Amino acid sequence: MASQLRDFATSMVAVVEPETPTLLVAQLMRKHHIGALVVVDAHEKTRPVGIVTDRDLVLELMAEGLDPAIFTAGDIMSVDLVTATPEMDALEAVQLMKTHRLRRLVINDDEGRLVGIVTMEDVLELLARELANLAAGLAGARDREISERE
């Protein structure tokens, strides 16, 4: 089973800088069909400093009737990033997501550089594949057992 995050997490991560207008943030999310962008340091573009989600856009701007052209990703991003490492096991990641009530984990290397992102959907897809493989293996074993009896 490919259980380490490096084996199945997304390595191509959409990023923005803190000064990116939230209108552009929303447009990028729509263009790439994603629900979050990692906010990276404007100078060290590989160092994550926050994350902004579609939920942040709705609750912080739209629900308040604020103009998305005025505010930036840095104004509404979550800065208390819960991060994972590429070596982290999928079950550890699920526990971390559960503990912090998250749907996404930013993955950093040992130097704190952004190397990927893993979502709850990624973990569910991995689990579905593993369960399908298990079911196929059990069905094959059952079929062999029946053939041997005959």
N, C-alpha and C. Protein backbone atom coordinates (compact mmCIF):
# COMPACT_ATOMS: atom_id res chain seq x y z
N MET A 1 0.84 -1.19 0.00
CA MET A 1 0.00 0.00 0.00
C MET A 1 0.88 1.24 0.00
N ALA A 2 0.58 2.18 -0.87
CA ALA A 2 1.30 3.46 -0.94
C ALA A 2 0.77 4.35 0.16
N SER A 3 1.32 4.20 1.36
CA SER A 3 0.71 4.91 2.48
C SER A 3 1.41 6.19 2.88
N GLN A 4 2.62 6.44 2.39
CA GLN A 4 3.27 7.70 2.71
C GLN A 4 2.71 8.79 1.81
N LEU A 5 2.58 10.00 2.35
CA LEU A 5 2.00 11.11 1.59
C LEU A 5 2.73 11.34 0.28
N ARG A 6 4.03 11.15 0.26
CA ARG A 6 4.79 11.37 -0.98
C ARG A 6 4.31 10.48 -2.11
N ASP A 7 3.67 9.35 -1.78
CA ASP A 7 3.24 8.40 -2.79
C ASP A 7 1.93 8.78 -3.48
N PHE A 8 1.14 9.66 -2.86
CA PHE A 8 -0.16 9.95 -3.48
C PHE A 8 -0.62 11.40 -3.36
N ALA A 9 0.08 12.23 -2.63
CA ALA A 9 -0.31 13.64 -2.49
C ALA A 9 -0.05 14.39 -3.79
N THR A 10 -0.68 15.52 -3.93
CA THR A 10 -0.51 16.37 -5.10
C THR A 10 0.77 17.19 -4.94
N SER A 11 1.67 17.08 -5.92
CA SER A 11 2.92 17.84 -5.83
C SER A 11 2.84 19.17 -6.59
N MET A 12 1.89 19.30 -7.49
CA MET A 12 1.69 20.56 -8.21
C MET A 12 0.67 21.38 -7.43
N VAL A 13 1.15 22.36 -6.69
CA VAL A 13 0.29 23.13 -5.80
C VAL A 13 0.10 24.54 -6.34
N ALA A 14 -1.14 24.98 -6.40
CA ALA A 14 -1.44 26.35 -6.83
C ALA A 14 -1.15 27.28 -5.66
N VAL A 15 -0.37 28.33 -5.94
CA VAL A 15 0.04 29.26 -4.88
C VAL A 15 -0.24 30.70 -5.29
N VAL A 16 -0.34 31.54 -4.28
CA VAL A 16 -0.42 32.99 -4.46
C VAL A 16 0.44 33.63 -3.38
N GLU A 17 0.72 34.90 -3.57
CA GLU A 17 1.45 35.67 -2.56
C GLU A 17 0.45 36.42 -1.69
N PRO A 18 0.85 36.85 -0.51
CA PRO A 18 -0.09 37.53 0.39
C PRO A 18 -0.76 38.76 -0.21
N GLU A 19 -0.09 39.46 -1.11
CA GLU A 19 -0.65 40.68 -1.68
C GLU A 19 -1.59 40.44 -2.87
N THR A 20 -1.84 39.19 -3.20
CA THR A 20 -2.74 38.87 -4.31
C THR A 20 -4.16 39.27 -3.96
N PRO A 21 -4.82 40.07 -4.80
CA PRO A 21 -6.20 40.48 -4.52
C PRO A 21 -7.12 39.25 -4.42
N THR A 22 -8.06 39.29 -3.50
CA THR A 22 -8.94 38.13 -3.32
C THR A 22 -9.81 37.87 -4.54
N LEU A 23 -10.08 38.88 -5.34
CA LEU A 23 -10.81 38.65 -6.58
C LEU A 23 -10.02 37.70 -7.48
N LEU A 24 -8.71 37.94 -7.59
CA LEU A 24 -7.86 37.06 -8.38
C LEU A 24 -7.77 35.67 -7.74
N VAL A 25 -7.73 35.61 -6.42
CA VAL A 25 -7.73 34.32 -5.70
C VAL A 25 -8.95 33.50 -6.12
N ALA A 26 -10.13 34.13 -6.09
CA ALA A 26 -11.36 33.44 -6.47
C ALA A 26 -11.31 33.00 -7.93
N GLN A 27 -10.80 33.85 -8.79
CA GLN A 27 -10.72 33.51 -10.21
C GLN A 27 -9.76 32.34 -10.45
N LEU A 28 -8.66 32.30 -9.73
CA LEU A 28 -7.71 31.20 -9.86
C LEU A 28 -8.32 29.89 -9.38
N MET A 29 -9.06 29.95 -8.28
CA MET A 29 -9.73 28.74 -7.78
C MET A 29 -10.71 28.21 -8.82
N ARG A 30 -11.45 29.12 -9.42
CA ARG A 30 -12.42 28.70 -10.44
C ARG A 30 -11.70 28.13 -11.66
N LYS A 31 -10.67 28.81 -12.11
CA LYS A 31 -9.94 28.38 -13.30
C LYS A 31 -9.35 26.98 -13.13
N HIS A 32 -8.79 26.71 -11.94
CA HIS A 32 -8.12 25.43 -11.69
C HIS A 32 -9.01 24.40 -11.01
N HIS A 33 -10.27 24.76 -10.77
CA HIS A 33 -11.24 23.85 -10.14
C HIS A 33 -10.72 23.32 -8.80
N ILE A 34 -10.27 24.24 -7.97
CA ILE A 34 -9.74 23.87 -6.65
C ILE A 34 -10.41 24.72 -5.58
N GLY A 35 -10.32 24.26 -4.35
CA GLY A 35 -10.96 24.96 -3.25
C GLY A 35 -10.01 25.67 -2.32
N ALA A 36 -8.71 25.65 -2.63
CA ALA A 36 -7.74 26.32 -1.76
C ALA A 36 -6.48 26.66 -2.54
N LEU A 37 -5.84 27.73 -2.09
CA LEU A 37 -4.54 28.13 -2.61
C LEU A 37 -3.60 28.29 -1.43
N VAL A 38 -2.40 27.80 -1.58
CA VAL A 38 -1.39 28.00 -0.55
C VAL A 38 -0.79 29.38 -0.76
N VAL A 39 -0.67 30.12 0.32
CA VAL A 39 -0.08 31.45 0.26
C VAL A 39 1.39 31.32 0.63
N VAL A 40 2.25 31.77 -0.28
CA VAL A 40 3.69 31.65 -0.06
C VAL A 40 4.31 33.01 0.19
N ASP A 41 5.43 33.01 0.87
CA ASP A 41 6.19 34.22 1.14
C ASP A 41 6.55 34.90 -0.18
N ALA A 42 6.39 36.21 -0.23
CA ALA A 42 6.63 36.95 -1.46
C ALA A 42 8.09 36.87 -1.91
N HIS A 43 9.03 36.66 -0.99
CA HIS A 43 10.45 36.60 -1.34
C HIS A 43 10.93 35.16 -1.48
N GLU A 44 10.51 34.31 -0.53
CA GLU A 44 10.86 32.89 -0.59
C GLU A 44 9.63 32.16 -1.10
N LYS A 45 9.47 32.11 -2.36
CA LYS A 45 8.24 31.62 -2.99
C LYS A 45 7.95 30.14 -2.72
N THR A 46 8.87 29.46 -2.09
CA THR A 46 8.62 28.06 -1.75
C THR A 46 8.24 27.88 -0.28
N ARG A 47 8.16 28.98 0.47
CA ARG A 47 7.85 28.87 1.91
C ARG A 47 6.40 29.25 2.15
N PRO A 48 5.56 28.29 2.54
CA PRO A 48 4.15 28.60 2.80
C PRO A 48 3.99 29.43 4.07
N VAL A 49 3.13 30.44 3.98
CA VAL A 49 2.86 31.28 5.15
C VAL A 49 1.37 31.24 5.53
N GLY A 50 0.57 30.59 4.71
CA GLY A 50 -0.86 30.51 5.00
C GLY A 50 -1.59 29.72 3.92
N ILE A 51 -2.88 29.64 4.09
CA ILE A 51 -3.73 28.99 3.09
C ILE A 51 -5.04 29.77 3.04
N VAL A 52 -5.57 29.92 1.85
CA VAL A 52 -6.86 30.60 1.69
C VAL A 52 -7.78 29.63 0.96
N THR A 53 -8.99 29.48 1.48
CA THR A 53 -9.94 28.52 0.93
C THR A 53 -11.17 29.24 0.38
N ASP A 54 -11.93 28.48 -0.38
CA ASP A 54 -13.19 29.03 -0.89
C ASP A 54 -14.10 29.43 0.27
N ARG A 55 -14.04 28.70 1.35
CA ARG A 55 -14.82 29.02 2.55
C ARG A 55 -14.40 30.37 3.14
N ASP A 56 -13.09 30.64 3.14
CA ASP A 56 -12.59 31.94 3.61
C ASP A 56 -13.18 33.07 2.77
N LEU A 57 -13.21 32.87 1.47
CA LEU A 57 -13.77 33.90 0.58
C LEU A 57 -15.24 34.17 0.90
N VAL A 58 -15.99 33.09 1.11
CA VAL A 58 -17.42 33.25 1.38
C VAL A 58 -17.66 33.89 2.74
N LEU A 59 -17.03 33.36 3.78
CA LEU A 59 -17.31 33.85 5.14
C LEU A 59 -16.68 35.20 5.45
N GLU A 60 -15.48 35.43 4.96
CA GLU A 60 -14.77 36.67 5.30
C GLU A 60 -15.13 37.84 4.39
N LEU A 61 -15.53 37.56 3.15
CA LEU A 61 -15.81 38.64 2.22
C LEU A 61 -17.28 38.69 1.80
N MET A 62 -17.72 37.66 1.13
CA MET A 62 -19.06 37.68 0.55
C MET A 62 -20.15 37.84 1.60
N ALA A 63 -20.08 37.08 2.67
CA ALA A 63 -21.11 37.15 3.71
C ALA A 63 -21.13 38.50 4.40
N GLU A 64 -19.99 39.18 4.36
CA GLU A 64 -19.89 40.50 4.98
C GLU A 64 -20.16 41.62 3.99
N GLY A 65 -20.35 41.27 2.72
CA GLY A 65 -20.61 42.27 1.69
C GLY A 65 -19.40 43.13 1.35
N LEU A 66 -18.20 42.58 1.52
CA LEU A 66 -16.97 43.33 1.27
C LEU A 66 -16.52 43.17 -0.18
N ASP A 67 -15.80 44.14 -0.67
CA ASP A 67 -15.33 44.17 -2.05
C ASP A 67 -14.07 43.30 -2.20
N PRO A 68 -14.14 42.20 -2.98
CA PRO A 68 -12.98 41.32 -3.13
C PRO A 68 -11.83 41.96 -3.90
N ALA A 69 -12.07 43.06 -4.55
CA ALA A 69 -10.99 43.73 -5.28
C ALA A 69 -10.10 44.52 -4.32
N ILE A 70 -10.59 44.81 -3.13
CA ILE A 70 -9.85 45.62 -2.17
C ILE A 70 -8.98 44.77 -1.24
N PHE A 71 -9.48 43.60 -0.87
CA PHE A 71 -8.78 42.76 0.10
C PHE A 71 -7.81 41.81 -0.59
N THR A 72 -6.86 41.31 0.18
CA THR A 72 -5.83 40.42 -0.38
C THR A 72 -5.90 39.04 0.28
N ALA A 73 -5.18 38.11 -0.32
CA ALA A 73 -5.09 36.76 0.26
C ALA A 73 -4.55 36.84 1.68
N GLY A 74 -3.59 37.72 1.90
CA GLY A 74 -3.01 37.88 3.23
C GLY A 74 -4.00 38.37 4.27
N ASP A 75 -5.03 39.10 3.82
CA ASP A 75 -6.04 39.61 4.75
C ASP A 75 -6.96 38.51 5.28
N ILE A 76 -7.19 37.48 4.48
CA ILE A 76 -8.18 36.48 4.88
C ILE A 76 -7.60 35.08 5.07
N MET A 77 -6.32 34.89 4.80
CA MET A 77 -5.74 33.54 4.88
C MET A 77 -5.67 33.04 6.32
N SER A 78 -5.66 31.74 6.46
CA SER A 78 -5.40 31.11 7.75
C SER A 78 -3.89 31.02 7.89
N VAL A 79 -3.38 31.53 8.99
CA VAL A 79 -1.93 31.55 9.18
C VAL A 79 -1.44 30.43 10.10
N ASP A 80 -2.33 29.80 10.82
CA ASP A 80 -1.95 28.70 11.69
C ASP A 80 -1.94 27.41 10.88
N LEU A 81 -0.94 27.30 10.01
CA LEU A 81 -0.85 26.14 9.13
C LEU A 81 -0.53 24.88 9.91
N VAL A 82 -1.28 23.84 9.64
CA VAL A 82 -0.96 22.52 10.14
C VAL A 82 -0.31 21.82 8.96
N THR A 83 0.94 21.43 9.13
CA THR A 83 1.68 20.87 8.01
C THR A 83 2.01 19.40 8.25
N ALA A 84 2.33 18.74 7.16
CA ALA A 84 2.73 17.35 7.19
C ALA A 84 4.08 17.24 6.48
N THR A 85 4.67 16.06 6.58
CA THR A 85 5.91 15.78 5.87
C THR A 85 5.64 14.73 4.79
N PRO A 86 6.47 14.66 3.78
CA PRO A 86 6.26 13.66 2.73
C PRO A 86 6.29 12.23 3.26
N GLU A 87 7.00 12.01 4.35
CA GLU A 87 7.14 10.67 4.92
C GLU A 87 5.97 10.28 5.81
N MET A 88 5.10 11.22 6.12
CA MET A 88 3.98 10.93 7.02
C MET A 88 3.07 9.86 6.43
N ASP A 89 2.62 8.97 7.27
CA ASP A 89 1.71 7.91 6.87
C ASP A 89 0.31 8.49 6.67
N ALA A 90 -0.43 7.90 5.74
CA ALA A 90 -1.78 8.38 5.43
C ALA A 90 -2.68 8.39 6.67
N LEU A 91 -2.56 7.38 7.50
CA LEU A 91 -3.40 7.33 8.70
C LEU A 91 -3.03 8.42 9.70
N GLU A 92 -1.75 8.76 9.77
CA GLU A 92 -1.32 9.88 10.61
C GLU A 92 -1.91 11.18 10.08
N ALA A 93 -1.90 11.33 8.77
CA ALA A 93 -2.45 12.53 8.14
C ALA A 93 -3.94 12.65 8.45
N VAL A 94 -4.66 11.54 8.36
CA VAL A 94 -6.09 11.55 8.67
C VAL A 94 -6.31 11.97 10.12
N GLN A 95 -5.51 11.45 11.02
CA GLN A 95 -5.63 11.81 12.43
C GLN A 95 -5.36 13.30 12.64
N LEU A 96 -4.36 13.82 11.96
CA LEU A 96 -4.03 15.25 12.04
C LEU A 96 -5.19 16.10 11.52
N MET A 97 -5.77 15.68 10.40
CA MET A 97 -6.92 16.39 9.84
C MET A 97 -8.10 16.35 10.81
N LYS A 98 -8.32 15.20 11.40
CA LYS A 98 -9.43 15.05 12.35
C LYS A 98 -9.21 15.93 13.58
N THR A 99 -8.02 15.88 14.13
CA THR A 99 -7.71 16.66 15.33
C THR A 99 -7.90 18.15 15.11
N HIS A 100 -7.47 18.63 13.94
CA HIS A 100 -7.52 20.07 13.65
C HIS A 100 -8.72 20.48 12.80
N ARG A 101 -9.59 19.50 12.51
CA ARG A 101 -10.80 19.74 11.73
C ARG A 101 -10.48 20.41 10.39
N LEU A 102 -9.60 19.73 9.62
CA LEU A 102 -9.14 20.24 8.33
C LEU A 102 -9.49 19.27 7.22
N ARG A 103 -9.56 19.80 6.00
CA ARG A 103 -9.75 18.97 4.82
C ARG A 103 -8.50 18.91 3.97
N ARG A 104 -7.49 19.72 4.34
CA ARG A 104 -6.25 19.79 3.57
C ARG A 104 -5.06 19.93 4.50
N LEU A 105 -3.96 19.33 4.09
CA LEU A 105 -2.69 19.52 4.81
C LEU A 105 -1.64 19.96 3.80
N VAL A 106 -0.92 21.01 4.15
CA VAL A 106 0.21 21.47 3.35
C VAL A 106 1.39 20.58 3.71
N ILE A 107 2.13 20.15 2.70
CA ILE A 107 3.27 19.26 2.94
C ILE A 107 4.56 20.04 2.71
N ASN A 108 5.41 20.04 3.73
CA ASN A 108 6.70 20.74 3.69
C ASN A 108 7.83 19.74 3.81
N ASP A 109 8.97 20.06 3.21
CA ASP A 109 10.16 19.23 3.41
C ASP A 109 10.84 19.66 4.71
N ASP A 110 11.99 19.08 5.00
CA ASP A 110 12.69 19.36 6.25
C ASP A 110 13.13 20.81 6.39
N GLU A 111 13.29 21.51 5.25
CA GLU A 111 13.69 22.92 5.29
C GLU A 111 12.49 23.86 5.29
N GLY A 112 11.29 23.33 5.37
CA GLY A 112 10.09 24.16 5.41
C GLY A 112 9.60 24.61 4.05
N ARG A 113 10.13 24.00 2.97
CA ARG A 113 9.70 24.34 1.62
C ARG A 113 8.45 23.55 1.24
N LEU A 114 7.58 24.20 0.52
CA LEU A 114 6.35 23.57 0.04
C LEU A 114 6.69 22.49 -0.98
N VAL A 115 6.20 21.27 -0.72
CA VAL A 115 6.44 20.18 -1.67
C VAL A 115 5.14 19.51 -2.12
N GLY A 116 4.01 19.88 -1.51
CA GLY A 116 2.76 19.27 -1.93
C GLY A 116 1.61 19.65 -1.03
N ILE A 117 0.48 19.04 -1.35
CA ILE A 117 -0.73 19.22 -0.55
C ILE A 117 -1.51 17.90 -0.62
N VAL A 118 -2.13 17.55 0.46
CA VAL A 118 -2.97 16.36 0.49
C VAL A 118 -4.34 16.77 1.01
N THR A 119 -5.36 16.27 0.35
CA THR A 119 -6.73 16.57 0.75
C THR A 119 -7.40 15.32 1.28
N MET A 120 -8.49 15.52 1.97
CA MET A 120 -9.27 14.39 2.45
C MET A 120 -9.72 13.54 1.27
N GLU A 121 -10.02 14.18 0.15
CA GLU A 121 -10.42 13.43 -1.04
C GLU A 121 -9.29 12.53 -1.54
N ASP A 122 -8.04 13.03 -1.47
CA ASP A 122 -6.90 12.20 -1.86
C ASP A 122 -6.82 10.94 -1.00
N VAL A 123 -7.01 11.11 0.30
CA VAL A 123 -6.96 9.98 1.22
C VAL A 123 -8.11 9.01 0.95
N LEU A 124 -9.30 9.55 0.69
CA LEU A 124 -10.44 8.68 0.40
C LEU A 124 -10.24 7.89 -0.88
N GLU A 125 -9.64 8.52 -1.90
CA GLU A 125 -9.34 7.81 -3.14
C GLU A 125 -8.35 6.68 -2.90
N LEU A 126 -7.32 6.95 -2.10
CA LEU A 126 -6.35 5.92 -1.75
C LEU A 126 -7.04 4.76 -1.04
N LEU A 127 -7.89 5.08 -0.09
CA LEU A 127 -8.61 4.06 0.67
C LEU A 127 -9.53 3.25 -0.25
N ALA A 128 -10.22 3.92 -1.15
CA ALA A 128 -11.11 3.23 -2.08
C ALA A 128 -10.32 2.25 -2.96
N ARG A 129 -9.15 2.68 -3.46
CA ARG A 129 -8.32 1.79 -4.27
C ARG A 129 -7.86 0.58 -3.46
N GLU A 130 -7.42 0.84 -2.23
CA GLU A 130 -6.94 -0.25 -1.39
C GLU A 130 -8.07 -1.23 -1.05
N LEU A 131 -9.26 -0.72 -0.78
CA LEU A 131 -10.39 -1.59 -0.50
C LEU A 131 -10.79 -2.40 -1.74
N ALA A 132 -10.74 -1.78 -2.91
CA ALA A 132 -11.04 -2.49 -4.15
C ALA A 132 -10.01 -3.60 -4.39
N ASN A 133 -8.73 -3.31 -4.13
CA ASN A 133 -7.69 -4.34 -4.26
C ASN A 133 -7.91 -5.48 -3.27
N LEU A 134 -8.28 -5.13 -2.06
CA LEU A 134 -8.56 -6.15 -1.05
C LEU A 134 -9.73 -7.01 -1.47
N ALA A 135 -10.79 -6.39 -1.94
CA ALA A 135 -11.98 -7.13 -2.38
C ALA A 135 -11.63 -8.05 -3.56
N ALA A 136 -10.84 -7.55 -4.49
CA ALA A 136 -10.45 -8.37 -5.65
C ALA A 136 -9.60 -9.55 -5.19
N GLY A 137 -8.70 -9.31 -4.26
CA GLY A 137 -7.86 -10.39 -3.73
C GLY A 137 -8.67 -11.43 -3.00
N LEU A 138 -9.64 -10.99 -2.22
CA LEU A 138 -10.51 -11.93 -1.50
C LEU A 138 -11.37 -12.73 -2.46
N ALA A 139 -11.87 -12.07 -3.49
CA ALA A 139 -12.69 -12.77 -4.49
C ALA A 139 -11.86 -13.80 -5.22
N GLY A 140 -10.63 -13.45 -5.57
CA GLY A 140 -9.74 -14.39 -6.25
C GLY A 140 -9.42 -15.59 -5.36
N ALA A 141 -9.18 -15.33 -4.08
CA ALA A 141 -8.90 -16.42 -3.14
C ALA A 141 -10.12 -17.33 -3.00
N ARG A 142 -11.28 -16.74 -2.93
CA ARG A 142 -12.51 -17.52 -2.82
C ARG A 142 -12.72 -18.38 -4.06
N ASP A 143 -12.47 -17.80 -5.24
CA ASP A 143 -12.62 -18.55 -6.49
C ASP A 143 -11.64 -19.72 -6.55
N ARG A 144 -10.39 -19.48 -6.09
CA ARG A 144 -9.40 -20.56 -6.09
C ARG A 144 -9.81 -21.66 -5.13
N GLU A 145 -10.34 -21.28 -3.99
CA GLU A 145 -10.77 -22.26 -3.00
C GLU A 145 -11.92 -23.12 -3.55
N ILE A 146 -12.85 -22.51 -4.25
CA ILE A 146 -13.97 -23.24 -4.85
C ILE A 146 -13.45 -24.20 -5.91
N SER A 147 -12.50 -23.73 -6.76
CA SER A 147 -11.95 -24.59 -7.83
C SER A 147 -11.23 -25.79 -7.24
N GLU A 148 -10.52 -25.57 -6.14
CA GLU A 148 -9.78 -26.67 -5.53
C GLU A 148 -10.71 -27.72 -4.95
N ARG A 149 -11.87 -27.31 -4.49
CA ARG A 149 -12.84 -28.25 -3.93
C ARG A 149 -13.48 -29.10 -5.01
N GLU A 150 -13.59 -28.54 -6.19
CA GLU A 150 -14.30 -29.24 -7.29
C GLU A 150 -13.45 -30.28 -7.92
